[in-house]
Amino acid sequence: MSFDWLTNFQQEMEKPDGYAKKTLAAYRLGMKAKGSIAGVTIQTDPQGCMASQKLDPDAVYHPDDAPLLPLPQCDRSRRCRCLYRPIMTYQIKDDV
């Protein structure tokens, strides 16, 4: 993927205070504006903490319902490598 460098960069950064609330607020705003954001998913690190390994990798959350990162049980704390990623409406499969 052409943006792997960006993911690696973001995973290496220490999460600032309020990371989850600020990030989820931005996605919430995009949804309210009737943009093409359908929800958020959590991109975990394959070698991440046990708490992150228990998350459903296919789950799509409304920003109000997404788990806050870093997860409370994460042993890496602010060095958590999990990231929020938007899920766009065109990525949602129709069940019709």
N, C-alpha and C. Protein backbone atom coordinates (compact mmCIF):
# COMPACT_ATOMS: atom_id res chain seq x y z
N MET A 1 0.85 -1.18 0.00
CA MET A 1 0.00 0.00 0.00
C MET A 1 0.89 1.24 0.00
N SER A 2 0.48 2.24 -0.72
CA SER A 2 1.32 3.42 -0.88
C SER A 2 1.45 4.27 0.38
N PHE A 3 0.57 4.09 1.33
CA PHE A 3 0.63 4.90 2.54
C PHE A 3 1.11 4.11 3.77
N ASP A 4 1.81 3.01 3.53
CA ASP A 4 2.34 2.22 4.64
C ASP A 4 3.28 3.07 5.50
N TRP A 5 4.04 3.95 4.88
CA TRP A 5 4.96 4.81 5.63
C TRP A 5 4.20 5.67 6.63
N LEU A 6 3.00 6.13 6.25
CA LEU A 6 2.20 6.97 7.13
C LEU A 6 1.68 6.16 8.32
N THR A 7 1.22 4.96 8.06
CA THR A 7 0.77 4.09 9.14
C THR A 7 1.91 3.82 10.11
N ASN A 8 3.08 3.48 9.57
CA ASN A 8 4.24 3.21 10.43
C ASN A 8 4.58 4.43 11.27
N PHE A 9 4.56 5.60 10.65
CA PHE A 9 4.85 6.84 11.36
C PHE A 9 3.85 7.07 12.49
N GLN A 10 2.57 6.91 12.18
CA GLN A 10 1.53 7.14 13.19
C GLN A 10 1.60 6.12 14.31
N GLN A 11 1.95 4.89 14.00
CA GLN A 11 2.05 3.86 15.04
C GLN A 11 3.23 4.12 15.97
N GLU A 12 4.27 4.73 15.47
CA GLU A 12 5.45 5.00 16.29
C GLU A 12 5.28 6.22 17.19
N MET A 13 4.38 7.10 16.84
CA MET A 13 4.18 8.32 17.63
C MET A 13 3.51 8.01 18.97
N GLU A 14 3.92 8.73 19.98
CA GLU A 14 3.24 8.64 21.26
C GLU A 14 1.90 9.36 21.13
N LYS A 15 0.86 8.74 21.64
CA LYS A 15 -0.46 9.35 21.54
C LYS A 15 -0.56 10.53 22.50
N PRO A 16 -0.96 11.69 21.99
CA PRO A 16 -1.10 12.86 22.86
C PRO A 16 -2.33 12.73 23.74
N ASP A 17 -2.39 13.52 24.80
CA ASP A 17 -3.59 13.56 25.63
C ASP A 17 -4.78 13.90 24.75
N GLY A 18 -5.87 13.22 24.95
CA GLY A 18 -7.08 13.50 24.20
C GLY A 18 -7.10 12.95 22.79
N TYR A 19 -6.16 12.07 22.46
CA TYR A 19 -6.09 11.50 21.10
C TYR A 19 -7.44 10.93 20.67
N ALA A 20 -8.01 10.07 21.49
CA ALA A 20 -9.25 9.39 21.11
C ALA A 20 -10.38 10.39 20.93
N LYS A 21 -10.55 11.27 21.87
CA LYS A 21 -11.67 12.21 21.79
C LYS A 21 -11.54 13.14 20.60
N LYS A 22 -10.36 13.64 20.33
CA LYS A 22 -10.15 14.55 19.19
C LYS A 22 -10.34 13.83 17.86
N THR A 23 -9.78 12.65 17.75
CA THR A 23 -9.87 11.90 16.50
C THR A 23 -11.31 11.49 16.22
N LEU A 24 -11.98 10.96 17.24
CA LEU A 24 -13.36 10.53 17.06
C LEU A 24 -14.28 11.72 16.79
N ALA A 25 -13.99 12.87 17.39
CA ALA A 25 -14.79 14.07 17.13
C ALA A 25 -14.68 14.49 15.67
N ALA A 26 -13.49 14.38 15.10
CA ALA A 26 -13.30 14.73 13.69
C ALA A 26 -14.11 13.80 12.79
N TYR A 27 -14.09 12.51 13.08
CA TYR A 27 -14.87 11.56 12.28
C TYR A 27 -16.36 11.79 12.48
N ARG A 28 -16.77 12.09 13.70
CA ARG A 28 -18.18 12.39 14.00
C ARG A 28 -18.64 13.60 13.18
N LEU A 29 -17.81 14.62 13.12
CA LEU A 29 -18.14 15.81 12.36
C LEU A 29 -18.28 15.49 10.86
N GLY A 30 -17.40 14.66 10.36
CA GLY A 30 -17.50 14.23 8.97
C GLY A 30 -18.79 13.48 8.68
N MET A 31 -19.24 12.69 9.64
CA MET A 31 -20.49 11.97 9.46
C MET A 31 -21.68 12.93 9.52
N LYS A 32 -21.64 13.88 10.43
CA LYS A 32 -22.73 14.85 10.56
C LYS A 32 -22.86 15.71 9.32
N ALA A 33 -21.75 15.99 8.67
CA ALA A 33 -21.75 16.82 7.47
C ALA A 33 -22.23 16.05 6.25
N LYS A 34 -22.69 14.84 6.47
CA LYS A 34 -23.18 13.98 5.40
C LYS A 34 -22.08 13.66 4.38
N GLY A 35 -20.88 13.54 4.90
CA GLY A 35 -19.76 13.16 4.06
C GLY A 35 -19.82 11.67 3.77
N SER A 36 -18.75 11.12 3.28
CA SER A 36 -18.77 9.70 2.92
C SER A 36 -18.19 8.80 4.00
N ILE A 37 -18.02 9.32 5.22
CA ILE A 37 -17.55 8.48 6.32
C ILE A 37 -18.74 7.74 6.92
N ALA A 38 -18.64 6.41 6.94
CA ALA A 38 -19.71 5.57 7.47
C ALA A 38 -19.47 5.20 8.93
N GLY A 39 -18.24 5.28 9.38
CA GLY A 39 -17.89 4.91 10.74
C GLY A 39 -16.38 4.81 10.87
N VAL A 40 -15.94 4.21 11.97
CA VAL A 40 -14.51 4.04 12.19
C VAL A 40 -14.22 2.58 12.55
N THR A 41 -13.03 2.19 12.26
CA THR A 41 -12.54 0.88 12.65
C THR A 41 -11.24 1.11 13.42
N ILE A 42 -10.79 0.10 14.11
CA ILE A 42 -9.53 0.20 14.83
C ILE A 42 -8.52 -0.71 14.15
N GLN A 43 -7.46 -0.09 13.66
CA GLN A 43 -6.37 -0.84 13.05
C GLN A 43 -5.42 -1.22 14.17
N THR A 44 -5.28 -2.51 14.38
CA THR A 44 -4.41 -2.98 15.45
C THR A 44 -3.06 -3.42 14.88
N ASP A 45 -2.11 -3.58 15.76
CA ASP A 45 -0.79 -4.07 15.41
C ASP A 45 -0.79 -5.58 15.62
N PRO A 46 -0.34 -6.37 14.65
CA PRO A 46 -0.33 -7.83 14.83
C PRO A 46 0.43 -8.28 16.08
N GLN A 47 1.42 -7.52 16.51
CA GLN A 47 2.16 -7.85 17.73
C GLN A 47 1.71 -6.99 18.90
N GLY A 48 0.52 -6.46 18.80
CA GLY A 48 0.00 -5.56 19.84
C GLY A 48 -0.37 -6.28 21.12
N CYS A 49 -0.86 -5.51 22.05
CA CYS A 49 -1.21 -6.04 23.38
C CYS A 49 -2.38 -7.02 23.29
N MET A 50 -2.58 -7.77 24.34
CA MET A 50 -3.67 -8.76 24.39
C MET A 50 -5.03 -8.10 24.26
N ALA A 51 -5.18 -6.91 24.83
CA ALA A 51 -6.46 -6.21 24.76
C ALA A 51 -6.82 -5.90 23.31
N SER A 52 -5.85 -5.47 22.53
CA SER A 52 -6.13 -5.13 21.13
C SER A 52 -6.41 -6.38 20.31
N GLN A 53 -5.80 -7.50 20.65
CA GLN A 53 -6.02 -8.74 19.92
C GLN A 53 -7.44 -9.26 20.10
N LYS A 54 -8.11 -8.83 21.15
CA LYS A 54 -9.49 -9.26 21.41
C LYS A 54 -10.52 -8.45 20.64
N LEU A 55 -10.10 -7.34 20.02
CA LEU A 55 -11.03 -6.52 19.25
C LEU A 55 -11.39 -7.21 17.95
N ASP A 56 -12.62 -7.05 17.53
CA ASP A 56 -13.08 -7.60 16.26
C ASP A 56 -12.46 -6.76 15.13
N PRO A 57 -11.61 -7.34 14.29
CA PRO A 57 -10.94 -6.56 13.24
C PRO A 57 -11.89 -6.03 12.17
N ASP A 58 -13.08 -6.59 12.08
CA ASP A 58 -14.05 -6.16 11.08
C ASP A 58 -15.12 -5.23 11.64
N ALA A 59 -15.03 -4.91 12.92
CA ALA A 59 -16.05 -4.06 13.54
C ALA A 59 -15.97 -2.64 13.00
N VAL A 60 -17.14 -2.09 12.72
CA VAL A 60 -17.25 -0.70 12.32
C VAL A 60 -18.07 -0.01 13.41
N TYR A 61 -17.47 1.00 14.01
CA TYR A 61 -18.09 1.69 15.13
C TYR A 61 -18.57 3.08 14.72
N HIS A 62 -19.66 3.49 15.33
CA HIS A 62 -20.00 4.91 15.28
C HIS A 62 -19.00 5.56 16.23
N PRO A 63 -18.53 6.77 15.92
CA PRO A 63 -17.54 7.40 16.81
C PRO A 63 -17.98 7.50 18.27
N ASP A 64 -19.28 7.57 18.51
CA ASP A 64 -19.77 7.63 19.90
C ASP A 64 -19.60 6.31 20.64
N ASP A 65 -19.48 5.21 19.89
CA ASP A 65 -19.43 3.88 20.49
C ASP A 65 -18.07 3.19 20.39
N ALA A 66 -17.11 3.83 19.75
CA ALA A 66 -15.80 3.21 19.55
C ALA A 66 -15.03 3.14 20.86
N PRO A 67 -14.30 2.05 21.08
CA PRO A 67 -13.44 1.97 22.26
C PRO A 67 -12.41 3.10 22.23
N LEU A 68 -12.09 3.65 23.39
CA LEU A 68 -11.12 4.74 23.46
C LEU A 68 -9.70 4.17 23.44
N LEU A 69 -8.88 4.78 22.61
CA LEU A 69 -7.46 4.39 22.51
C LEU A 69 -6.59 5.38 23.25
N PRO A 70 -5.58 4.93 23.91
CA PRO A 70 -5.22 3.52 24.09
C PRO A 70 -6.24 2.81 24.98
N LEU A 71 -6.42 1.54 24.71
CA LEU A 71 -7.33 0.73 25.52
C LEU A 71 -6.86 0.73 26.97
N PRO A 72 -7.80 0.74 27.92
CA PRO A 72 -7.39 0.78 29.34
C PRO A 72 -6.44 -0.36 29.75
N GLN A 73 -6.58 -1.53 29.12
CA GLN A 73 -5.75 -2.68 29.48
C GLN A 73 -4.44 -2.73 28.70
N CYS A 74 -4.21 -1.76 27.82
CA CYS A 74 -3.01 -1.78 26.97
C CYS A 74 -1.76 -1.59 27.83
N ASP A 75 -0.79 -2.48 27.65
CA ASP A 75 0.45 -2.39 28.43
C ASP A 75 1.44 -1.40 27.82
N ARG A 76 1.10 -0.84 26.66
CA ARG A 76 1.98 0.14 26.03
C ARG A 76 1.56 1.57 26.31
N SER A 77 0.42 1.73 26.93
CA SER A 77 -0.09 3.05 27.30
C SER A 77 -0.09 4.00 26.10
N ARG A 78 0.53 5.14 26.22
CA ARG A 78 0.51 6.14 25.15
C ARG A 78 1.36 5.73 23.95
N ARG A 79 2.09 4.64 24.06
CA ARG A 79 2.85 4.10 22.93
C ARG A 79 2.04 3.02 22.20
N CYS A 80 0.77 2.96 22.50
CA CYS A 80 -0.16 2.03 21.84
C CYS A 80 -0.05 2.22 20.33
N ARG A 81 -0.01 1.11 19.60
CA ARG A 81 0.15 1.17 18.15
C ARG A 81 -1.17 1.05 17.41
N CYS A 82 -2.28 0.98 18.13
CA CYS A 82 -3.60 0.94 17.49
C CYS A 82 -3.94 2.33 16.96
N LEU A 83 -4.68 2.33 15.86
CA LEU A 83 -5.07 3.58 15.22
C LEU A 83 -6.54 3.53 14.81
N TYR A 84 -7.19 4.67 14.84
CA TYR A 84 -8.53 4.78 14.26
C TYR A 84 -8.37 4.98 12.75
N ARG A 85 -9.23 4.35 12.00
CA ARG A 85 -9.27 4.53 10.56
C ARG A 85 -10.72 4.74 10.15
N PRO A 86 -10.96 5.69 9.25
CA PRO A 86 -12.33 5.87 8.78
C PRO A 86 -12.75 4.74 7.85
N ILE A 87 -14.01 4.40 7.91
CA ILE A 87 -14.60 3.47 6.95
C ILE A 87 -15.52 4.32 6.08
N MET A 88 -15.29 4.28 4.81
CA MET A 88 -16.05 5.09 3.88
C MET A 88 -17.30 4.33 3.41
N THR A 89 -18.31 5.08 3.01
CA THR A 89 -19.56 4.45 2.59
C THR A 89 -19.35 3.46 1.44
N TYR A 90 -18.41 3.74 0.54
CA TYR A 90 -18.18 2.83 -0.58
C TYR A 90 -17.50 1.53 -0.15
N GLN A 91 -17.00 1.48 1.09
CA GLN A 91 -16.36 0.25 1.59
C GLN A 91 -17.36 -0.69 2.25
N ILE A 92 -18.56 -0.19 2.54
CA ILE A 92 -19.58 -0.99 3.19
C ILE A 92 -20.27 -1.85 2.14
N LYS A 93 -20.32 -3.15 2.40
CA LYS A 93 -20.95 -4.07 1.47
C LYS A 93 -22.46 -4.05 1.68
N ASP A 94 -23.18 -3.95 0.60
CA ASP A 94 -24.64 -4.03 0.67
C ASP A 94 -25.06 -5.48 0.83
N ASP A 95 -26.05 -5.70 1.68
CA ASP A 95 -26.56 -7.06 1.90
C ASP A 95 -27.73 -7.38 0.97
N VAL A 96 -27.91 -6.56 -0.05
CA VAL A 96 -29.04 -6.74 -0.96
C VAL A 96 -28.71 -7.72 -2.04
